[in-house]
Amino acid sequence: MRFTALSFAAVLAFAPPASALPTPETATYAIANPQRPGAKPPDCTTLAETPDGCTFHNEHGITQHAVLPVVAGEYWIATPGDARELRVRTLPADGTALQRIQFTPQVHGNADATLTFDRIRDAGGRRTLVERRRVSVMIHAHE
């Protein structure tokens, strides 16, 4: 018992002060949140345009929109990683330089889905992939 107390005291004596330990904001991890990989990237809904790698946080049945830049002769196609998880609908162009793609989670409970956006250029009947963006959709259980 005495040896255990001395060992514990020795560990405390050589431990770094609490101020030297990384905080959750400054810590680096070998794998960034492997259980919920979409938790760390920026929230897509706070951004004017949907960038590659951001995350939408959502619940079953709630519709959200991705906002993507488009020019004449181009359009975006959205493909869910699993069609059972997300229902996707491309909205008609509204005359602006942005295209909106609507999606609604179909899963009850927690799930992590991916949504891939392909920017296509259609020139003279020839289609070319111009850009690809992939976002995460964290579907949260409604409680």
Foldseek 3Di string as FASTA:
>chain_A
DVVVVVVVVVCVVPDDDPVPDDDPVGDDDPQCPPVANQPPAAAQVVDPARAAEHEHEEAAPDKDKHKHFADPQKDKDKDKPDCQFKDKDWDDDPPDRITIIMIGGHDAAWDKIKMKMWMWGQDPNDIDTDDMGMYIYTYHHDD
